[in-house]
Amino acid sequence: MKDTLDKSIGHRLHHAARLQRALAARHLTELGLFPGQETVLKLLAETDGRTMTELAAALQVRPPTASKTVGRLSAQGLLTRRATDGDGRLVRVYLTEEGRQRAGAIDGIWNSLEDTMVAGLDGKDRKRLRKLLRKLEKNLALTLGAAVPAGAEPEEDEAPEEVADDAA
């Protein structure tokens, strides 16, 4: 008899996410980074000079966790912390030139991971998968009483459609 765990969507999603994180970690190691650090670099590449509070909020972690990550990246010479003029208590975080280069290299890793994950899926399947994952995110966020994550709503170019249950 087939194990029902293999038919569980939650199990399949969890297992796929673990494999994706493991592959991401392997690639990030080549850049001298640990998982989670790449997000800090990408956030600063998007908007340099964020405060620790802004970084923690964007990362959805507590400020001490963000501070620890920033400290490690700073020790590698990828970030600098500077007190704001007029208020020495307010510290902003900036990418160094090396940090900016690694942030750029992260795009290649993310693109490679995406290509690996969706290999064999055509454009229609990819679009449907994105839509289904956004729906899962929304359902989970609403159940937890959390804000619906950005991007969990259907994209403008996606017409609403009913997704039929697969009888598998």
N, C-alpha and C. Protein backbone atom coordinates (compact mmCIF):
# COMPACT_ATOMS: atom_id res chain seq x y z
N MET A 1 0.84 -1.19 0.00
CA MET A 1 0.00 0.00 0.00
C MET A 1 0.88 1.25 0.00
N LYS A 2 0.51 2.22 -0.81
CA LYS A 2 1.27 3.47 -0.95
C LYS A 2 1.16 4.30 0.33
N ASP A 3 2.29 4.82 0.78
CA ASP A 3 2.32 5.66 1.99
C ASP A 3 1.55 6.95 1.73
N THR A 4 0.59 7.27 2.59
CA THR A 4 -0.22 8.48 2.39
C THR A 4 0.59 9.75 2.58
N LEU A 5 1.71 9.65 3.28
CA LEU A 5 2.57 10.82 3.45
C LEU A 5 3.04 11.34 2.10
N ASP A 6 3.33 10.45 1.18
CA ASP A 6 3.77 10.86 -0.15
C ASP A 6 2.70 11.61 -0.92
N LYS A 7 1.44 11.43 -0.54
CA LYS A 7 0.34 12.12 -1.22
C LYS A 7 -0.03 13.43 -0.53
N SER A 8 0.58 13.70 0.59
CA SER A 8 0.29 14.92 1.34
C SER A 8 0.95 16.13 0.67
N ILE A 9 0.15 17.14 0.36
CA ILE A 9 0.67 18.36 -0.25
C ILE A 9 1.66 19.05 0.68
N GLY A 10 1.32 19.10 1.96
CA GLY A 10 2.21 19.72 2.93
C GLY A 10 3.57 19.04 2.97
N HIS A 11 3.56 17.72 2.96
CA HIS A 11 4.82 16.97 2.97
C HIS A 11 5.62 17.23 1.69
N ARG A 12 4.98 17.18 0.56
CA ARG A 12 5.66 17.40 -0.72
C ARG A 12 6.25 18.82 -0.76
N LEU A 13 5.46 19.80 -0.31
CA LEU A 13 5.92 21.19 -0.30
C LEU A 13 7.10 21.36 0.65
N HIS A 14 7.00 20.77 1.82
CA HIS A 14 8.09 20.85 2.81
C HIS A 14 9.36 20.20 2.26
N HIS A 15 9.22 19.04 1.67
CA HIS A 15 10.37 18.34 1.13
C HIS A 15 11.02 19.13 -0.02
N ALA A 16 10.19 19.66 -0.93
CA ALA A 16 10.72 20.46 -2.04
C ALA A 16 11.44 21.70 -1.51
N ALA A 17 10.87 22.35 -0.49
CA ALA A 17 11.50 23.54 0.08
C ALA A 17 12.85 23.20 0.73
N ARG A 18 12.92 22.06 1.41
CA ARG A 18 14.20 21.64 2.02
C ARG A 18 15.26 21.40 0.96
N LEU A 19 14.86 20.74 -0.13
CA LEU A 19 15.82 20.49 -1.21
C LEU A 19 16.26 21.80 -1.87
N GLN A 20 15.32 22.71 -2.06
CA GLN A 20 15.66 24.01 -2.66
C GLN A 20 16.63 24.76 -1.76
N ARG A 21 16.38 24.76 -0.45
CA ARG A 21 17.28 25.45 0.49
C ARG A 21 18.67 24.81 0.49
N ALA A 22 18.73 23.49 0.40
CA ALA A 22 20.03 22.80 0.38
C ALA A 22 20.81 23.17 -0.87
N LEU A 23 20.15 23.21 -2.01
CA LEU A 23 20.83 23.59 -3.24
C LEU A 23 21.25 25.06 -3.21
N ALA A 24 20.39 25.91 -2.67
CA ALA A 24 20.73 27.33 -2.53
C ALA A 24 21.95 27.48 -1.63
N ALA A 25 21.98 26.75 -0.52
CA ALA A 25 23.12 26.82 0.41
C ALA A 25 24.41 26.41 -0.28
N ARG A 26 24.34 25.38 -1.11
CA ARG A 26 25.53 24.92 -1.83
C ARG A 26 26.07 26.04 -2.73
N HIS A 27 25.18 26.70 -3.46
CA HIS A 27 25.60 27.78 -4.36
C HIS A 27 26.08 29.01 -3.57
N LEU A 28 25.40 29.33 -2.48
CA LEU A 28 25.79 30.50 -1.69
C LEU A 28 27.16 30.31 -1.06
N THR A 29 27.49 29.08 -0.69
CA THR A 29 28.80 28.78 -0.13
C THR A 29 29.91 29.19 -1.09
N GLU A 30 29.64 29.02 -2.39
CA GLU A 30 30.63 29.41 -3.40
C GLU A 30 30.89 30.92 -3.38
N LEU A 31 29.92 31.69 -2.88
CA LEU A 31 30.09 33.14 -2.74
C LEU A 31 30.57 33.52 -1.34
N GLY A 32 30.78 32.51 -0.48
CA GLY A 32 31.19 32.80 0.89
C GLY A 32 30.04 33.26 1.77
N LEU A 33 28.81 32.87 1.41
CA LEU A 33 27.63 33.29 2.16
C LEU A 33 26.89 32.09 2.73
N PHE A 34 26.13 32.36 3.78
CA PHE A 34 25.24 31.38 4.36
C PHE A 34 23.81 31.76 4.00
N PRO A 35 22.89 30.79 3.96
CA PRO A 35 21.49 31.11 3.66
C PRO A 35 20.96 32.19 4.60
N GLY A 36 20.24 33.12 4.05
CA GLY A 36 19.71 34.25 4.80
C GLY A 36 20.53 35.51 4.58
N GLN A 37 21.84 35.35 4.44
CA GLN A 37 22.69 36.51 4.22
C GLN A 37 22.44 37.14 2.86
N GLU A 38 22.09 36.31 1.87
CA GLU A 38 21.86 36.85 0.53
C GLU A 38 20.69 37.82 0.51
N THR A 39 19.70 37.56 1.35
CA THR A 39 18.53 38.44 1.37
C THR A 39 18.90 39.82 1.88
N VAL A 40 19.77 39.89 2.87
CA VAL A 40 20.24 41.18 3.39
C VAL A 40 20.96 41.95 2.28
N LEU A 41 21.84 41.27 1.56
CA LEU A 41 22.57 41.94 0.48
C LEU A 41 21.62 42.44 -0.60
N LYS A 42 20.62 41.62 -0.96
CA LYS A 42 19.67 42.02 -2.00
C LYS A 42 18.79 43.18 -1.54
N LEU A 43 18.38 43.17 -0.28
CA LEU A 43 17.57 44.28 0.25
C LEU A 43 18.35 45.59 0.21
N LEU A 44 19.64 45.52 0.57
CA LEU A 44 20.47 46.73 0.54
C LEU A 44 20.80 47.15 -0.88
N ALA A 45 20.92 46.20 -1.79
CA ALA A 45 21.16 46.55 -3.19
C ALA A 45 19.94 47.30 -3.74
N GLU A 46 18.78 46.93 -3.24
CA GLU A 46 17.52 47.57 -3.65
C GLU A 46 17.40 48.97 -3.03
N THR A 47 17.69 49.05 -1.73
CA THR A 47 17.62 50.32 -1.01
C THR A 47 18.75 50.36 0.01
N ASP A 48 19.85 50.97 -0.37
CA ASP A 48 21.02 51.05 0.50
C ASP A 48 20.75 52.05 1.62
N GLY A 49 21.39 51.83 2.76
CA GLY A 49 21.26 52.77 3.87
C GLY A 49 20.03 52.53 4.73
N ARG A 50 19.58 51.30 4.81
CA ARG A 50 18.43 50.98 5.66
C ARG A 50 18.88 50.96 7.12
N THR A 51 17.93 51.23 8.00
CA THR A 51 18.21 51.10 9.43
C THR A 51 18.07 49.64 9.83
N MET A 52 18.56 49.31 11.01
CA MET A 52 18.43 47.93 11.50
C MET A 52 16.96 47.56 11.65
N THR A 53 16.14 48.49 12.10
CA THR A 53 14.71 48.24 12.26
C THR A 53 14.06 47.95 10.91
N GLU A 54 14.44 48.72 9.90
CA GLU A 54 13.89 48.49 8.56
C GLU A 54 14.33 47.13 8.01
N LEU A 55 15.59 46.78 8.22
CA LEU A 55 16.08 45.48 7.76
C LEU A 55 15.35 44.33 8.47
N ALA A 56 15.22 44.45 9.78
CA ALA A 56 14.54 43.39 10.54
C ALA A 56 13.11 43.22 10.04
N ALA A 57 12.42 44.33 9.80
CA ALA A 57 11.03 44.25 9.31
C ALA A 57 10.98 43.60 7.93
N ALA A 58 11.88 43.99 7.04
CA ALA A 58 11.88 43.43 5.69
C ALA A 58 12.23 41.95 5.70
N LEU A 59 13.09 41.54 6.63
CA LEU A 59 13.49 40.14 6.75
C LEU A 59 12.47 39.32 7.55
N GLN A 60 11.56 40.01 8.22
CA GLN A 60 10.57 39.39 9.10
C GLN A 60 11.24 38.60 10.21
N VAL A 61 12.24 39.25 10.84
CA VAL A 61 12.94 38.68 11.98
C VAL A 61 13.02 39.75 13.07
N ARG A 62 13.43 39.34 14.26
CA ARG A 62 13.61 40.30 15.35
C ARG A 62 14.90 41.08 15.12
N PRO A 63 14.96 42.32 15.60
CA PRO A 63 16.17 43.14 15.41
C PRO A 63 17.48 42.48 15.84
N PRO A 64 17.53 41.73 16.97
CA PRO A 64 18.81 41.09 17.32
C PRO A 64 19.28 40.08 16.26
N THR A 65 18.34 39.40 15.62
CA THR A 65 18.69 38.44 14.57
C THR A 65 19.27 39.18 13.37
N ALA A 66 18.63 40.27 12.98
CA ALA A 66 19.13 41.07 11.86
C ALA A 66 20.51 41.65 12.21
N SER A 67 20.66 42.09 13.44
CA SER A 67 21.94 42.67 13.86
C SER A 67 23.07 41.65 13.79
N LYS A 68 22.79 40.40 14.17
CA LYS A 68 23.79 39.34 14.12
C LYS A 68 24.21 39.08 12.68
N THR A 69 23.24 39.03 11.77
CA THR A 69 23.55 38.80 10.36
C THR A 69 24.35 39.96 9.79
N VAL A 70 23.95 41.18 10.12
CA VAL A 70 24.68 42.36 9.64
C VAL A 70 26.10 42.36 10.19
N GLY A 71 26.26 41.96 11.44
CA GLY A 71 27.60 41.89 12.03
C GLY A 71 28.50 40.92 11.29
N ARG A 72 27.96 39.76 10.94
CA ARG A 72 28.75 38.76 10.21
C ARG A 72 29.12 39.26 8.81
N LEU A 73 28.17 39.88 8.14
CA LEU A 73 28.45 40.40 6.79
C LEU A 73 29.43 41.57 6.85
N SER A 74 29.33 42.34 7.90
CA SER A 74 30.26 43.46 8.10
C SER A 74 31.67 42.94 8.34
N ALA A 75 31.79 41.86 9.11
CA ALA A 75 33.10 41.26 9.39
C ALA A 75 33.74 40.72 8.11
N GLN A 76 32.92 40.36 7.12
CA GLN A 76 33.44 39.88 5.83
C GLN A 76 33.76 41.04 4.89
N GLY A 77 33.49 42.26 5.33
CA GLY A 77 33.77 43.43 4.50
C GLY A 77 32.71 43.68 3.44
N LEU A 78 31.50 43.14 3.64
CA LEU A 78 30.44 43.30 2.64
C LEU A 78 29.50 44.45 2.97
N LEU A 79 29.50 44.87 4.24
CA LEU A 79 28.62 45.96 4.70
C LEU A 79 29.40 46.90 5.61
N THR A 80 28.89 48.11 5.71
CA THR A 80 29.39 49.05 6.72
C THR A 80 28.19 49.62 7.45
N ARG A 81 28.40 49.94 8.71
CA ARG A 81 27.37 50.60 9.52
C ARG A 81 27.84 52.01 9.80
N ARG A 82 26.93 52.96 9.62
CA ARG A 82 27.26 54.36 9.88
C ARG A 82 26.16 55.03 10.69
N ALA A 83 26.59 55.79 11.69
CA ALA A 83 25.63 56.56 12.47
C ALA A 83 25.08 57.68 11.60
N THR A 84 23.80 57.98 11.80
CA THR A 84 23.15 59.04 11.04
C THR A 84 23.58 60.39 11.59
N ASP A 85 23.81 61.35 10.70
CA ASP A 85 24.17 62.70 11.13
C ASP A 85 23.09 63.25 12.05
N GLY A 86 23.50 63.78 13.17
CA GLY A 86 22.55 64.39 14.08
C GLY A 86 21.99 63.43 15.12
N ASP A 87 22.05 62.13 14.87
CA ASP A 87 21.54 61.16 15.84
C ASP A 87 22.43 59.93 15.81
N GLY A 88 23.41 59.90 16.69
CA GLY A 88 24.37 58.80 16.74
C GLY A 88 23.75 57.46 17.09
N ARG A 89 22.50 57.48 17.63
CA ARG A 89 21.85 56.23 17.99
C ARG A 89 21.26 55.53 16.77
N LEU A 90 20.96 56.29 15.72
CA LEU A 90 20.35 55.72 14.52
C LEU A 90 21.45 55.31 13.55
N VAL A 91 21.55 53.99 13.34
CA VAL A 91 22.61 53.44 12.49
C VAL A 91 22.00 52.96 11.19
N ARG A 92 22.65 53.30 10.09
CA ARG A 92 22.22 52.83 8.78
C ARG A 92 23.27 51.87 8.24
N VAL A 93 22.81 50.92 7.43
CA VAL A 93 23.68 49.88 6.90
C VAL A 93 23.83 50.08 5.40
N TYR A 94 25.07 50.02 4.93
CA TYR A 94 25.38 50.25 3.51
C TYR A 94 26.23 49.11 2.97
N LEU A 95 26.04 48.81 1.71
CA LEU A 95 26.88 47.83 1.03
C LEU A 95 28.24 48.43 0.73
N THR A 96 29.29 47.62 0.84
CA THR A 96 30.60 48.01 0.33
C THR A 96 30.62 47.63 -1.16
N GLU A 97 31.68 47.97 -1.83
CA GLU A 97 31.78 47.59 -3.25
C GLU A 97 31.77 46.07 -3.41
N GLU A 98 32.47 45.38 -2.53
CA GLU A 98 32.47 43.91 -2.57
C GLU A 98 31.08 43.36 -2.29
N GLY A 99 30.37 43.97 -1.35
CA GLY A 99 28.99 43.56 -1.06
C GLY A 99 28.08 43.75 -2.25
N ARG A 100 28.28 44.84 -2.96
CA ARG A 100 27.47 45.13 -4.16
C ARG A 100 27.75 44.08 -5.25
N GLN A 101 29.00 43.68 -5.40
CA GLN A 101 29.34 42.66 -6.40
C GLN A 101 28.71 41.31 -6.04
N ARG A 102 28.76 40.95 -4.77
CA ARG A 102 28.15 39.67 -4.38
C ARG A 102 26.64 39.72 -4.51
N ALA A 103 26.05 40.86 -4.21
CA ALA A 103 24.59 41.00 -4.38
C ALA A 103 24.21 40.77 -5.84
N GLY A 104 25.05 41.26 -6.75
CA GLY A 104 24.79 41.04 -8.17
C GLY A 104 24.91 39.58 -8.56
N ALA A 105 25.85 38.87 -7.94
CA ALA A 105 26.05 37.45 -8.24
C ALA A 105 24.89 36.59 -7.72
N ILE A 106 24.19 37.08 -6.73
CA ILE A 106 23.06 36.34 -6.16
C ILE A 106 21.95 36.15 -7.20
N ASP A 107 21.77 37.13 -8.07
CA ASP A 107 20.75 37.00 -9.12
C ASP A 107 21.00 35.75 -9.96
N GLY A 108 22.26 35.50 -10.29
CA GLY A 108 22.60 34.32 -11.08
C GLY A 108 22.25 33.03 -10.34
N ILE A 109 22.48 33.02 -9.04
CA ILE A 109 22.14 31.84 -8.23
C ILE A 109 20.63 31.64 -8.22
N TRP A 110 19.89 32.70 -7.96
CA TRP A 110 18.43 32.59 -7.91
C TRP A 110 17.87 32.15 -9.26
N ASN A 111 18.42 32.70 -10.35
CA ASN A 111 17.94 32.30 -11.68
C ASN A 111 18.25 30.83 -11.96
N SER A 112 19.43 30.39 -11.55
CA SER A 112 19.80 28.99 -11.75
C SER A 112 18.89 28.07 -10.94
N LEU A 113 18.61 28.44 -9.70
CA LEU A 113 17.70 27.65 -8.87
C LEU A 113 16.31 27.57 -9.48
N GLU A 114 15.83 28.70 -9.97
CA GLU A 114 14.51 28.75 -10.60
C GLU A 114 14.47 27.83 -11.81
N ASP A 115 15.50 27.90 -12.64
CA ASP A 115 15.56 27.04 -13.83
C ASP A 115 15.56 25.57 -13.44
N THR A 116 16.31 25.23 -12.41
CA THR A 116 16.37 23.84 -11.94
C THR A 116 15.01 23.38 -11.43
N MET A 117 14.35 24.23 -10.64
CA MET A 117 13.08 23.85 -10.03
C MET A 117 11.97 23.64 -11.06
N VAL A 118 11.96 24.45 -12.10
CA VAL A 118 10.83 24.39 -13.04
C VAL A 118 11.20 23.69 -14.35
N ALA A 119 12.33 23.02 -14.36
CA ALA A 119 12.72 22.28 -15.57
C ALA A 119 11.61 21.30 -15.92
N GLY A 120 11.23 21.28 -17.17
CA GLY A 120 10.19 20.38 -17.63
C GLY A 120 8.78 20.94 -17.52
N LEU A 121 8.64 22.11 -16.94
CA LEU A 121 7.32 22.76 -16.87
C LEU A 121 7.23 23.80 -17.97
N ASP A 122 6.12 23.81 -18.70
CA ASP A 122 5.94 24.84 -19.72
C ASP A 122 5.44 26.12 -19.05
N GLY A 123 5.31 27.17 -19.83
CA GLY A 123 4.91 28.47 -19.31
C GLY A 123 3.57 28.44 -18.60
N LYS A 124 2.63 27.69 -19.13
CA LYS A 124 1.30 27.60 -18.53
C LYS A 124 1.37 26.91 -17.16
N ASP A 125 2.16 25.83 -17.08
CA ASP A 125 2.32 25.13 -15.80
C ASP A 125 3.02 26.02 -14.77
N ARG A 126 4.01 26.78 -15.20
CA ARG A 126 4.72 27.68 -14.27
C ARG A 126 3.77 28.74 -13.72
N LYS A 127 2.96 29.29 -14.59
CA LYS A 127 2.01 30.33 -14.18
C LYS A 127 1.00 29.74 -13.19
N ARG A 128 0.52 28.55 -13.47
CA ARG A 128 -0.45 27.90 -12.59
C ARG A 128 0.20 27.57 -11.24
N LEU A 129 1.43 27.09 -11.25
CA LEU A 129 2.13 26.79 -10.01
C LEU A 129 2.29 28.05 -9.16
N ARG A 130 2.70 29.15 -9.78
CA ARG A 130 2.83 30.41 -9.03
C ARG A 130 1.50 30.80 -8.40
N LYS A 131 0.43 30.67 -9.17
CA LYS A 131 -0.90 31.04 -8.68
C LYS A 131 -1.30 30.15 -7.50
N LEU A 132 -1.07 28.86 -7.61
CA LEU A 132 -1.43 27.94 -6.55
C LEU A 132 -0.60 28.20 -5.28
N LEU A 133 0.68 28.48 -5.44
CA LEU A 133 1.51 28.78 -4.28
C LEU A 133 1.08 30.07 -3.60
N ARG A 134 0.70 31.08 -4.38
CA ARG A 134 0.19 32.33 -3.79
C ARG A 134 -1.08 32.06 -2.99
N LYS A 135 -1.93 31.19 -3.51
CA LYS A 135 -3.16 30.83 -2.80
C LYS A 135 -2.83 30.13 -1.48
N LEU A 136 -1.87 29.20 -1.51
CA LEU A 136 -1.46 28.53 -0.27
C LEU A 136 -0.93 29.55 0.75
N GLU A 137 -0.09 30.47 0.29
CA GLU A 137 0.45 31.50 1.18
C GLU A 137 -0.66 32.31 1.81
N LYS A 138 -1.62 32.72 0.99
CA LYS A 138 -2.73 33.53 1.48
C LYS A 138 -3.54 32.75 2.51
N ASN A 139 -3.87 31.49 2.22
CA ASN A 139 -4.64 30.67 3.15
C ASN A 139 -3.92 30.54 4.49
N LEU A 140 -2.63 30.26 4.45
CA LEU A 140 -1.86 30.09 5.68
C LEU A 140 -1.77 31.39 6.46
N ALA A 141 -1.51 32.50 5.77
CA ALA A 141 -1.40 33.80 6.44
C ALA A 141 -2.73 34.17 7.11
N LEU A 142 -3.82 33.98 6.40
CA LEU A 142 -5.12 34.31 6.97
C LEU A 142 -5.44 33.44 8.19
N THR A 143 -5.09 32.17 8.13
CA THR A 143 -5.32 31.26 9.25
C THR A 143 -4.50 31.66 10.46
N LEU A 144 -3.28 32.13 10.22
CA LEU A 144 -2.42 32.57 11.31
C LEU A 144 -2.78 33.96 11.83
N GLY A 145 -3.64 34.67 11.10
CA GLY A 145 -3.98 36.03 11.48
C GLY A 145 -2.88 37.01 11.12
N ALA A 146 -2.03 36.59 10.20
CA ALA A 146 -0.92 37.44 9.76
C ALA A 146 -1.34 38.20 8.51
N ALA A 147 -0.57 39.22 8.20
CA ALA A 147 -0.83 39.96 6.96
C ALA A 147 -0.57 39.04 5.78
N VAL A 148 -1.38 39.18 4.76
CA VAL A 148 -1.17 38.39 3.55
C VAL A 148 0.13 38.87 2.92
N PRO A 149 1.07 37.95 2.65
CA PRO A 149 2.37 38.35 2.10
C PRO A 149 2.23 39.07 0.77
N ALA A 150 3.14 40.02 0.56
CA ALA A 150 3.17 40.70 -0.74
C ALA A 150 3.35 39.66 -1.82
N GLY A 151 2.57 39.78 -2.87
CA GLY A 151 2.67 38.84 -3.97
C GLY A 151 1.77 37.63 -3.81
N ALA A 152 1.03 37.54 -2.70
CA ALA A 152 0.15 36.39 -2.50
C ALA A 152 -1.19 36.58 -3.20
N GLU A 153 -1.43 37.77 -3.69
CA GLU A 153 -2.65 38.03 -4.47
C GLU A 153 -2.35 37.74 -5.93
N PRO A 154 -3.38 37.38 -6.72
CA PRO A 154 -3.15 37.10 -8.15
C PRO A 154 -2.55 38.30 -8.87
N GLU A 155 -1.68 38.01 -9.83
CA GLU A 155 -1.09 39.08 -10.64
C GLU A 155 -2.16 39.66 -11.55
N GLU A 156 -1.98 40.91 -11.94
CA GLU A 156 -2.97 41.59 -12.78
C GLU A 156 -3.23 40.87 -14.09
N ASP A 157 -2.19 40.24 -14.66
CA ASP A 157 -2.35 39.59 -15.96
C ASP A 157 -2.97 38.20 -15.85
N GLU A 158 -3.28 37.78 -14.63
CA GLU A 158 -3.87 36.47 -14.45
C GLU A 158 -5.37 36.59 -14.26
N ALA A 159 -6.11 35.99 -15.15
CA ALA A 159 -7.55 35.97 -15.01
C ALA A 159 -7.90 34.95 -13.95
N PRO A 160 -8.88 35.28 -13.07
CA PRO A 160 -9.26 34.29 -12.07
C PRO A 160 -9.83 33.04 -12.74
N GLU A 161 -9.43 31.90 -12.24
CA GLU A 161 -9.94 30.65 -12.80
C GLU A 161 -10.07 29.65 -11.68
N GLU A 162 -10.97 28.74 -11.83
CA GLU A 162 -11.12 27.69 -10.85
C GLU A 162 -10.06 26.63 -11.13
N VAL A 163 -9.43 26.14 -10.09
CA VAL A 163 -8.44 25.09 -10.24
C VAL A 163 -9.11 23.78 -9.84
N ALA A 164 -9.22 22.88 -10.77
CA ALA A 164 -9.88 21.61 -10.51
C ALA A 164 -9.01 20.73 -9.62
N ASP A 165 -9.66 19.99 -8.75
CA ASP A 165 -8.93 19.03 -7.91
C ASP A 165 -8.48 17.87 -8.79
N ASP A 166 -7.23 17.47 -8.60
CA ASP A 166 -6.74 16.29 -9.30
C ASP A 166 -7.14 15.05 -8.52
N ALA A 167 -7.65 14.08 -9.17
CA ALA A 167 -8.03 12.84 -8.51
C ALA A 167 -6.87 11.86 -8.59
N ALA A 168 -5.87 12.09 -7.76
CA ALA A 168 -4.69 11.22 -7.80
C ALA A 168 -4.57 10.43 -6.54
